[in-house]
PDB file of N, CA and C in Angstrom:
ATOM      1  N   UNK A   1       7.669  -5.048   1.800  1.00  0.00           N
ATOM      2  CA  UNK A   1       8.174  -5.961   0.795  1.00  0.00           C
ATOM      3  C   UNK A   1       8.383  -5.158  -0.493  1.00  0.00           C
ATOM      4  N   UNK A   2       9.514  -5.340  -1.106  1.00  0.00           N
ATOM      5  CA  UNK A   2       9.854  -4.604  -2.319  1.00  0.00           C
ATOM      6  C   UNK A   2       9.284  -5.312  -3.540  1.00  0.00           C
ATOM      7  N   UNK A   3       9.011  -4.533  -4.592  1.00  0.00           N
ATOM      8  CA  UNK A   3       8.514  -5.081  -5.846  1.00  0.00           C
ATOM      9  C   UNK A   3       9.637  -5.084  -6.868  1.00  0.00           C
ATOM     10  N   UNK A   4       9.745  -6.192  -7.603  1.00  0.00           N
ATOM     11  CA  UNK A   4      10.734  -6.339  -8.663  1.00  0.00           C
ATOM     12  C   UNK A   4       9.983  -6.668  -9.945  1.00  0.00           C
ATOM     13  N   UNK A   5      10.290  -5.963 -11.022  1.00  0.00           N
ATOM     14  CA  UNK A   5       9.656  -6.263 -12.309  1.00  0.00           C
ATOM     15  C   UNK A   5      10.327  -7.476 -12.948  1.00  0.00           C
ATOM     16  N   UNK A   6       9.625  -8.104 -13.865  1.00  0.00           N
ATOM     17  CA  UNK A   6      10.203  -9.239 -14.586  1.00  0.00           C
ATOM     18  C   UNK A   6      11.471  -8.821 -15.312  1.00  0.00           C
ATOM     19  N   UNK A   7      11.458  -7.633 -15.920  1.00  0.00           N
ATOM     20  CA  UNK A   7      12.632  -7.161 -16.637  1.00  0.00           C
ATOM     21  C   UNK A   7      13.817  -7.005 -15.691  1.00  0.00           C
ATOM     22  N   UNK A   8      13.598  -6.390 -14.539  1.00  0.00           N
ATOM     23  CA  UNK A   8      14.676  -6.221 -13.567  1.00  0.00           C
ATOM     24  C   UNK A   8      15.162  -7.572 -13.054  1.00  0.00           C
ATOM     25  N   UNK A   9      14.235  -8.515 -12.857  1.00  0.00           N
ATOM     26  CA  UNK A   9      14.637  -9.841 -12.397  1.00  0.00           C
ATOM     27  C   UNK A   9      15.490 -10.549 -13.441  1.00  0.00           C
ATOM     28  N   UNK A  10      15.068 -10.459 -14.700  1.00  0.00           N
ATOM     29  CA  UNK A  10      15.837 -11.113 -15.764  1.00  0.00           C
ATOM     30  C   UNK A  10      17.227 -10.508 -15.899  1.00  0.00           C
ATOM     31  N   UNK A  11      17.333  -9.201 -15.721  1.00  0.00           N
ATOM     32  CA  UNK A  11      18.630  -8.532 -15.854  1.00  0.00           C
ATOM     33  C   UNK A  11      19.549  -8.805 -14.669  1.00  0.00           C
ATOM     34  N   UNK A  12      18.962  -9.078 -13.486  1.00  0.00           N
ATOM     35  CA  UNK A  12      19.780  -9.219 -12.280  1.00  0.00           C
ATOM     36  C   UNK A  12      19.306 -10.380 -11.405  1.00  0.00           C
ATOM     37  N   UNK A  13      19.010 -11.515 -12.015  1.00  0.00           N
ATOM     38  CA  UNK A  13      18.511 -12.660 -11.252  1.00  0.00           C
ATOM     39  C   UNK A  13      19.498 -13.093 -10.179  1.00  0.00           C
ATOM     40  N   UNK A  14      20.768 -13.107 -10.508  1.00  0.00           N
ATOM     41  CA  UNK A  14      21.775 -13.537  -9.536  1.00  0.00           C
ATOM     42  C   UNK A  14      21.775 -12.617  -8.315  1.00  0.00           C
ATOM     43  N   UNK A  15      21.703 -11.325  -8.533  1.00  0.00           N
ATOM     44  CA  UNK A  15      21.677 -10.373  -7.427  1.00  0.00           C
ATOM     45  C   UNK A  15      20.425 -10.510  -6.577  1.00  0.00           C
ATOM     46  N   UNK A  16      19.270 -10.710  -7.221  1.00  0.00           N
ATOM     47  CA  UNK A  16      18.015 -10.886  -6.493  1.00  0.00           C
ATOM     48  C   UNK A  16      18.086 -12.162  -5.651  1.00  0.00           C
ATOM     49  N   UNK A  17      18.616 -13.235  -6.232  1.00  0.00           N
ATOM     50  CA  UNK A  17      18.729 -14.491  -5.483  1.00  0.00           C
ATOM     51  C   UNK A  17      19.661 -14.343  -4.285  1.00  0.00           C
ATOM     52  N   UNK A  18      20.722 -13.586  -4.437  1.00  0.00           N
ATOM     53  CA  UNK A  18      21.612 -13.343  -3.294  1.00  0.00           C
ATOM     54  C   UNK A  18      20.881 -12.589  -2.190  1.00  0.00           C
ATOM     55  N   UNK A  19      20.062 -11.614  -2.582  1.00  0.00           N
ATOM     56  CA  UNK A  19      19.290 -10.862  -1.588  1.00  0.00           C
ATOM     57  C   UNK A  19      18.265 -11.765  -0.907  1.00  0.00           C
ATOM     58  N   UNK A  20      17.683 -12.694  -1.662  1.00  0.00           N
ATOM     59  CA  UNK A  20      16.757 -13.661  -1.066  1.00  0.00           C
ATOM     60  C   UNK A  20      17.479 -14.525  -0.036  1.00  0.00           C
ATOM     61  N   UNK A  21      18.689 -14.940  -0.355  1.00  0.00           N
ATOM     62  CA  UNK A  21      19.477 -15.746   0.583  1.00  0.00           C
ATOM     63  C   UNK A  21      19.728 -15.004   1.886  1.00  0.00           C
ATOM     64  N   UNK A  22      19.784 -13.676   1.811  1.00  0.00           N
ATOM     65  CA  UNK A  22      20.009 -12.868   3.012  1.00  0.00           C
ATOM     66  C   UNK A  22      18.703 -12.571   3.750  1.00  0.00           C
ATOM     67  N   UNK A  23      17.588 -13.095   3.243  1.00  0.00           N
ATOM     68  CA  UNK A  23      16.333 -12.963   3.967  1.00  0.00           C
ATOM     69  C   UNK A  23      15.359 -11.949   3.410  1.00  0.00           C
ATOM     70  N   UNK A  24      15.694 -11.251   2.332  1.00  0.00           N
ATOM     71  CA  UNK A  24      14.759 -10.280   1.765  1.00  0.00           C
ATOM     72  C   UNK A  24      13.617 -10.998   1.055  1.00  0.00           C
ATOM     73  N   UNK A  25      12.482 -10.323   0.982  1.00  0.00           N
ATOM     74  CA  UNK A  25      11.301 -10.855   0.298  1.00  0.00           C
ATOM     75  C   UNK A  25      10.884  -9.858  -0.774  1.00  0.00           C
ATOM     76  N   UNK A  26      10.330 -10.379  -1.877  1.00  0.00           N
ATOM     77  CA  UNK A  26       9.943  -9.533  -3.001  1.00  0.00           C
ATOM     78  C   UNK A  26       8.596  -9.952  -3.565  1.00  0.00           C
ATOM     79  N   UNK A  27       7.934  -9.000  -4.210  1.00  0.00           N
ATOM     80  CA  UNK A  27       6.790  -9.284  -5.068  1.00  0.00           C
ATOM     81  C   UNK A  27       7.309  -9.152  -6.493  1.00  0.00           C
ATOM     82  N   UNK A  28       7.102 -10.159  -7.304  1.00  0.00           N
ATOM     83  CA  UNK A  28       7.515 -10.132  -8.705  1.00  0.00           C
ATOM     84  C   UNK A  28       6.330  -9.648  -9.517  1.00  0.00           C
ATOM     85  N   UNK A  29       6.516  -8.574 -10.283  1.00  0.00           N
ATOM     86  CA  UNK A  29       5.403  -8.044 -11.071  1.00  0.00           C
ATOM     87  C   UNK A  29       5.637  -8.311 -12.552  1.00  0.00           C
ATOM     88  N   UNK A  30       4.538  -8.506 -13.252  1.00  0.00           N
ATOM     89  CA  UNK A  30       4.565  -8.757 -14.688  1.00  0.00           C
ATOM     90  C   UNK A  30       3.520  -7.851 -15.327  1.00  0.00           C
ATOM     91  N   UNK A  31       3.971  -6.996 -16.217  1.00  0.00           N
ATOM     92  CA  UNK A  31       3.090  -6.031 -16.881  1.00  0.00           C
ATOM     93  C   UNK A  31       2.332  -5.160 -15.888  1.00  0.00           C
ATOM     94  N   UNK A  32       3.028  -4.761 -14.839  1.00  0.00           N
ATOM     95  CA  UNK A  32       2.464  -3.847 -13.861  1.00  0.00           C
ATOM     96  C   UNK A  32       1.563  -4.476 -12.812  1.00  0.00           C
ATOM     97  N   UNK A  33       1.423  -5.792 -12.839  1.00  0.00           N
ATOM     98  CA  UNK A  33       0.562  -6.478 -11.872  1.00  0.00           C
ATOM     99  C   UNK A  33       1.373  -7.491 -11.072  1.00  0.00           C
ATOM    100  N   UNK A  34       1.080  -7.600  -9.781  1.00  0.00           N
ATOM    101  CA  UNK A  34       1.777  -8.609  -8.965  1.00  0.00           C
ATOM    102  C   UNK A  34       1.537 -10.002  -9.532  1.00  0.00           C
ATOM    103  N   UNK A  35       2.620 -10.776  -9.680  1.00  0.00           N
ATOM    104  CA  UNK A  35       2.508 -12.107 -10.273  1.00  0.00           C
ATOM    105  C   UNK A  35       2.975 -13.210  -9.332  1.00  0.00           C
ATOM    106  N   UNK A  36       3.925 -12.903  -8.456  1.00  0.00           N
ATOM    107  CA  UNK A  36       4.462 -13.948  -7.590  1.00  0.00           C
ATOM    108  C   UNK A  36       5.114 -13.321  -6.366  1.00  0.00           C
ATOM    109  N   UNK A  37       5.224 -14.129  -5.350  1.00  0.00           N
ATOM    110  CA  UNK A  37       5.930 -13.710  -4.141  1.00  0.00           C
ATOM    111  C   UNK A  37       7.241 -14.497  -4.090  1.00  0.00           C
ATOM    112  N   UNK A  38       8.334 -13.775  -3.959  1.00  0.00           N
ATOM    113  CA  UNK A  38       9.644 -14.414  -3.848  1.00  0.00           C
ATOM    114  C   UNK A  38      10.094 -14.279  -2.406  1.00  0.00           C
ATOM    115  N   UNK A  39      10.346 -15.405  -1.761  1.00  0.00           N
ATOM    116  CA  UNK A  39      10.797 -15.369  -0.375  1.00  0.00           C
ATOM    117  C   UNK A  39      11.761 -16.507  -0.133  1.00  0.00           C
ATOM    118  N   UNK A  40      12.683 -16.320   0.797  1.00  0.00           N
ATOM    119  CA  UNK A  40      13.681 -17.355   1.052  1.00  0.00           C
ATOM    120  C   UNK A  40      13.063 -18.596   1.677  1.00  0.00           C
ATOM    121  N   UNK A  41      13.650 -19.741   1.357  1.00  0.00           N
ATOM    122  CA  UNK A  41      13.279 -20.982   2.018  1.00  0.00           C
ATOM    123  C   UNK A  41      14.095 -21.104   3.293  1.00  0.00           C
ATOM    124  N   UNK A  42      13.583 -21.841   4.236  1.00  0.00           N
ATOM    125  CA  UNK A  42      14.324 -22.107   5.470  1.00  0.00           C
ATOM    126  C   UNK A  42      15.548 -22.943   5.112  1.00  0.00           C
ATOM    127  N   UNK A  43      16.632 -22.729   5.798  1.00  0.00           N
ATOM    128  CA  UNK A  43      17.854 -23.493   5.537  1.00  0.00           C
ATOM    129  C   UNK A  43      17.568 -24.989   5.547  1.00  0.00           C
ATOM    130  N   UNK A  44      18.165 -25.724   4.635  1.00  0.00           N
ATOM    131  CA  UNK A  44      17.885 -27.149   4.475  1.00  0.00           C
ATOM    132  C   UNK A  44      18.092 -27.944   5.754  1.00  0.00           C
ATOM    133  N   UNK A  45      19.063 -27.587   6.569  1.00  0.00           N
ATOM    134  CA  UNK A  45      19.340 -28.330   7.781  1.00  0.00           C
ATOM    135  C   UNK A  45      18.264 -28.176   8.837  1.00  0.00           C
ATOM    136  N   UNK A  46      17.517 -27.082   8.813  1.00  0.00           N
ATOM    137  CA  UNK A  46      16.508 -26.842   9.836  1.00  0.00           C
ATOM    138  C   UNK A  46      15.090 -27.006   9.317  1.00  0.00           C
ATOM    139  N   UNK A  47      14.930 -27.197   8.030  1.00  0.00           N
ATOM    140  CA  UNK A  47      13.595 -27.276   7.452  1.00  0.00           C
ATOM    141  C   UNK A  47      13.005 -28.670   7.605  1.00  0.00           C
ATOM    142  N   UNK A  48      11.709 -28.722   7.863  1.00  0.00           N
ATOM    143  CA  UNK A  48      10.978 -29.982   7.841  1.00  0.00           C
ATOM    144  C   UNK A  48      10.260 -30.016   6.497  1.00  0.00           C
ATOM    145  N   UNK A  49      10.879 -30.633   5.501  1.00  0.00           N
ATOM    146  CA  UNK A  49      10.357 -30.597   4.148  1.00  0.00           C
ATOM    147  C   UNK A  49       8.992 -31.257   4.024  1.00  0.00           C
ATOM    148  N   UNK A  50       8.660 -32.181   4.906  1.00  0.00           N
ATOM    149  CA  UNK A  50       7.353 -32.829   4.873  1.00  0.00           C
ATOM    150  C   UNK A  50       6.233 -31.884   5.295  1.00  0.00           C
ATOM    151  N   UNK A  51       6.565 -30.805   6.003  1.00  0.00           N
ATOM    152  CA  UNK A  51       5.548 -29.866   6.468  1.00  0.00           C
ATOM    153  C   UNK A  51       5.592 -28.539   5.729  1.00  0.00           C
ATOM    154  N   UNK A  52       6.543 -28.358   4.831  1.00  0.00           N
ATOM    155  CA  UNK A  52       6.667 -27.107   4.104  1.00  0.00           C
ATOM    156  C   UNK A  52       5.426 -26.914   3.224  1.00  0.00           C
ATOM    157  N   UNK A  53       4.679 -25.813   3.413  1.00  0.00           N
ATOM    158  CA  UNK A  53       3.435 -25.647   2.670  1.00  0.00           C
ATOM    159  C   UNK A  53       3.644 -25.542   1.165  1.00  0.00           C
ATOM    160  N   UNK A  54       4.731 -24.975   0.725  1.00  0.00           N
ATOM    161  CA  UNK A  54       4.972 -24.846  -0.708  1.00  0.00           C
ATOM    162  C   UNK A  54       5.357 -26.182  -1.331  1.00  0.00           C
ATOM    163  N   UNK A  55       6.236 -26.902  -0.677  1.00  0.00           N
ATOM    164  CA  UNK A  55       6.728 -28.153  -1.246  1.00  0.00           C
ATOM    165  C   UNK A  55       5.712 -29.281  -1.179  1.00  0.00           C
ATOM    166  N   UNK A  56       4.698 -29.159  -0.349  1.00  0.00           N
ATOM    167  CA  UNK A  56       3.688 -30.222  -0.233  1.00  0.00           C
ATOM    168  C   UNK A  56       2.357 -29.849  -0.871  1.00  0.00           C
ATOM    169  N   UNK A  57       2.320 -28.780  -1.632  1.00  0.00           N
ATOM    170  CA  UNK A  57       1.047 -28.338  -2.213  1.00  0.00           C
ATOM    171  C   UNK A  57       0.437 -29.387  -3.144  1.00  0.00           C
ATOM    172  N   UNK A  58       1.281 -30.169  -3.792  1.00  0.00           N
ATOM    173  CA  UNK A  58       0.776 -31.190  -4.705  1.00  0.00           C
ATOM    174  C   UNK A  58      -0.128 -32.210  -4.030  1.00  0.00           C
ATOM    175  N   UNK A  59       0.056 -32.440  -2.750  1.00  0.00           N
ATOM    176  CA  UNK A  59      -0.783 -33.395  -2.021  1.00  0.00           C
ATOM    177  C   UNK A  59      -2.103 -32.777  -1.593  1.00  0.00           C
ATOM    178  N   UNK A  60      -2.161 -31.438  -1.529  1.00  0.00           N
ATOM    179  CA  UNK A  60      -3.351 -30.780  -0.992  1.00  0.00           C
ATOM    180  C   UNK A  60      -4.162 -30.028  -2.032  1.00  0.00           C
ATOM    181  N   UNK A  61      -3.575 -29.734  -3.163  1.00  0.00           N
ATOM    182  CA  UNK A  61      -4.261 -28.920  -4.166  1.00  0.00           C
ATOM    183  C   UNK A  61      -5.318 -29.733  -4.905  1.00  0.00           C
ATOM    184  N   UNK A  62      -6.375 -29.067  -5.293  1.00  0.00           N
ATOM    185  CA  UNK A  62      -7.409 -29.687  -6.121  1.00  0.00           C
ATOM    186  C   UNK A  62      -7.515 -28.879  -7.404  1.00  0.00           C
ATOM    187  N   UNK A  63      -7.758 -29.563  -8.485  1.00  0.00           N
ATOM    188  CA  UNK A  63      -7.856 -28.908  -9.786  1.00  0.00           C
ATOM    189  C   UNK A  63      -9.105 -28.040  -9.839  1.00  0.00           C
ATOM    190  N   UNK A  64      -8.948 -26.857 -10.382  1.00  0.00           N
ATOM    191  CA  UNK A  64     -10.077 -25.947 -10.540  1.00  0.00           C
ATOM    192  C   UNK A  64     -10.964 -26.460 -11.672  1.00  0.00           C
ATOM    193  N   UNK A  65     -12.279 -26.544 -11.466  1.00  0.00           N
ATOM    194  CA  UNK A  65     -13.148 -27.064 -12.530  1.00  0.00           C
ATOM    195  C   UNK A  65     -13.121 -26.196 -13.778  1.00  0.00           C
ATOM    196  N   UNK A  66     -12.866 -24.909 -13.637  1.00  0.00           N
ATOM    197  CA  UNK A  66     -12.834 -24.018 -14.791  1.00  0.00           C
ATOM    198  C   UNK A  66     -11.422 -23.602 -15.166  1.00  0.00           C
ATOM    199  N   UNK A  67     -10.432 -24.082 -14.446  1.00  0.00           N
ATOM    200  CA  UNK A  67      -9.056 -23.761 -14.754  1.00  0.00           C
ATOM    201  C   UNK A  67      -8.617 -22.382 -14.305  1.00  0.00           C
ATOM    202  N   UNK A  68      -9.435 -21.659 -13.538  1.00  0.00           N
ATOM    203  CA  UNK A  68      -9.100 -20.308 -13.131  1.00  0.00           C
ATOM    204  C   UNK A  68      -8.927 -20.181 -11.633  1.00  0.00           C
ATOM    205  N   UNK A  69      -7.852 -20.669 -11.094  1.00  0.00           N
ATOM    206  CA  UNK A  69      -7.614 -20.594  -9.660  1.00  0.00           C
ATOM    207  C   UNK A  69      -7.130 -19.195  -9.303  1.00  0.00           C
ATOM    208  N   UNK A  70      -7.771 -18.578  -8.313  1.00  0.00           N
ATOM    209  CA  UNK A  70      -7.412 -17.227  -7.895  1.00  0.00           C
ATOM    210  C   UNK A  70      -6.234 -17.278  -6.922  1.00  0.00           C
ATOM    211  N   UNK A  71      -5.493 -16.162  -6.857  1.00  0.00           N
ATOM    212  CA  UNK A  71      -4.321 -16.081  -5.978  1.00  0.00           C
ATOM    213  C   UNK A  71      -4.708 -16.328  -4.526  1.00  0.00           C
ATOM    214  N   UNK A  72      -5.827 -15.795  -4.079  1.00  0.00           N
ATOM    215  CA  UNK A  72      -6.206 -15.994  -2.676  1.00  0.00           C
ATOM    216  C   UNK A  72      -6.523 -17.461  -2.398  1.00  0.00           C
ATOM    217  N   UNK A  73      -7.017 -18.192  -3.409  1.00  0.00           N
ATOM    218  CA  UNK A  73      -7.262 -19.623  -3.225  1.00  0.00           C
ATOM    219  C   UNK A  73      -5.948 -20.387  -3.082  1.00  0.00           C
ATOM    220  N   UNK A  74      -4.961 -19.999  -3.879  1.00  0.00           N
ATOM    221  CA  UNK A  74      -3.656 -20.630  -3.769  1.00  0.00           C
ATOM    222  C   UNK A  74      -3.043 -20.334  -2.409  1.00  0.00           C
ATOM    223  N   UNK A  75      -3.133 -19.076  -1.967  1.00  0.00           N
ATOM    224  CA  UNK A  75      -2.625 -18.721  -0.646  1.00  0.00           C
ATOM    225  C   UNK A  75      -3.326 -19.521   0.442  1.00  0.00           C
ATOM    226  N   UNK A  76      -4.621 -19.762   0.264  1.00  0.00           N
ATOM    227  CA  UNK A  76      -5.367 -20.544   1.250  1.00  0.00           C
ATOM    228  C   UNK A  76      -4.870 -21.969   1.332  1.00  0.00           C
ATOM    229  N   UNK A  77      -4.552 -22.557   0.186  1.00  0.00           N
ATOM    230  CA  UNK A  77      -4.029 -23.921   0.176  1.00  0.00           C
ATOM    231  C   UNK A  77      -2.649 -23.952   0.825  1.00  0.00           C
ATOM    232  N   UNK A  78      -1.823 -22.951   0.492  1.00  0.00           N
ATOM    233  CA  UNK A  78      -0.459 -22.920   1.019  1.00  0.00           C
ATOM    234  C   UNK A  78      -0.412 -22.610   2.505  1.00  0.00           C
ATOM    235  N   UNK A  79      -1.147 -21.585   2.915  1.00  0.00           N
ATOM    236  CA  UNK A  79      -0.974 -21.055   4.255  1.00  0.00           C
ATOM    237  C   UNK A  79      -2.173 -21.293   5.183  1.00  0.00           C
ATOM    238  N   UNK A  80      -3.134 -22.037   4.691  1.00  0.00           N
ATOM    239  CA  UNK A  80      -4.293 -22.364   5.529  1.00  0.00           C
ATOM    240  C   UNK A  80      -5.404 -21.330   5.434  1.00  0.00           C
ATOM    241  N   UNK A  81      -6.554 -21.682   5.806  1.00  0.00           N
ATOM    242  CA  UNK A  81      -7.693 -20.767   5.800  1.00  0.00           C
ATOM    243  C   UNK A  81      -8.492 -20.750   4.533  1.00  0.00           C
ATOM    244  N   UNK A  82      -8.630 -20.957   3.564  1.00  0.00           N
ATOM    245  CA  UNK A  82      -9.424 -20.739   2.399  1.00  0.00           C
ATOM    246  C   UNK A  82      -9.723 -21.836   1.596  1.00  0.00           C
TER     247      UNK A  82
END
């Protein structure tokens, strides 16, 4: 998976989005640290939006008591296991 900086994304968002449409995946970094994972969504005609882990996170997420949710906790909610 390739890494894209925030600056590079801002300068070429359209190009990055086109690459995402073709199936590429990226890690978006901010100030030298990984900040987000960019990956294509399944085509609308074949996607089951009710089961999409990203689009249904609002039904499964719980608020962190201290406001500091870790990335692995978010991944656990999205992709199971944690």
